[in-house]
Amino acid sequence: MFSSDFYIDELARRLGAEAVVVDPDRSAVPISATLIREYPGEYLSYLAPAVRAWVEENWVKA
């Protein structure tokens, strides 16, 4: 499992997977899932096109 957060170690252990922490300082990708959930309209550019379309249609208030 890949994540920028160290909590991935515990989740991977519970699922019998290997944890790989990448970019923990978020210098390459300066965003977190928490920020996307809290402010989805502000971070649409970080989402894949199909995900972005769904978020715009179903989640972001006009």
Foldseek 3Di string as FASTA:
>chain_A
DEELDPCVCVVCVVVVHDYDHDPVVCPVNVDDVVCCVVCVVVPLVVDDPVVSVCCVVPPDDD
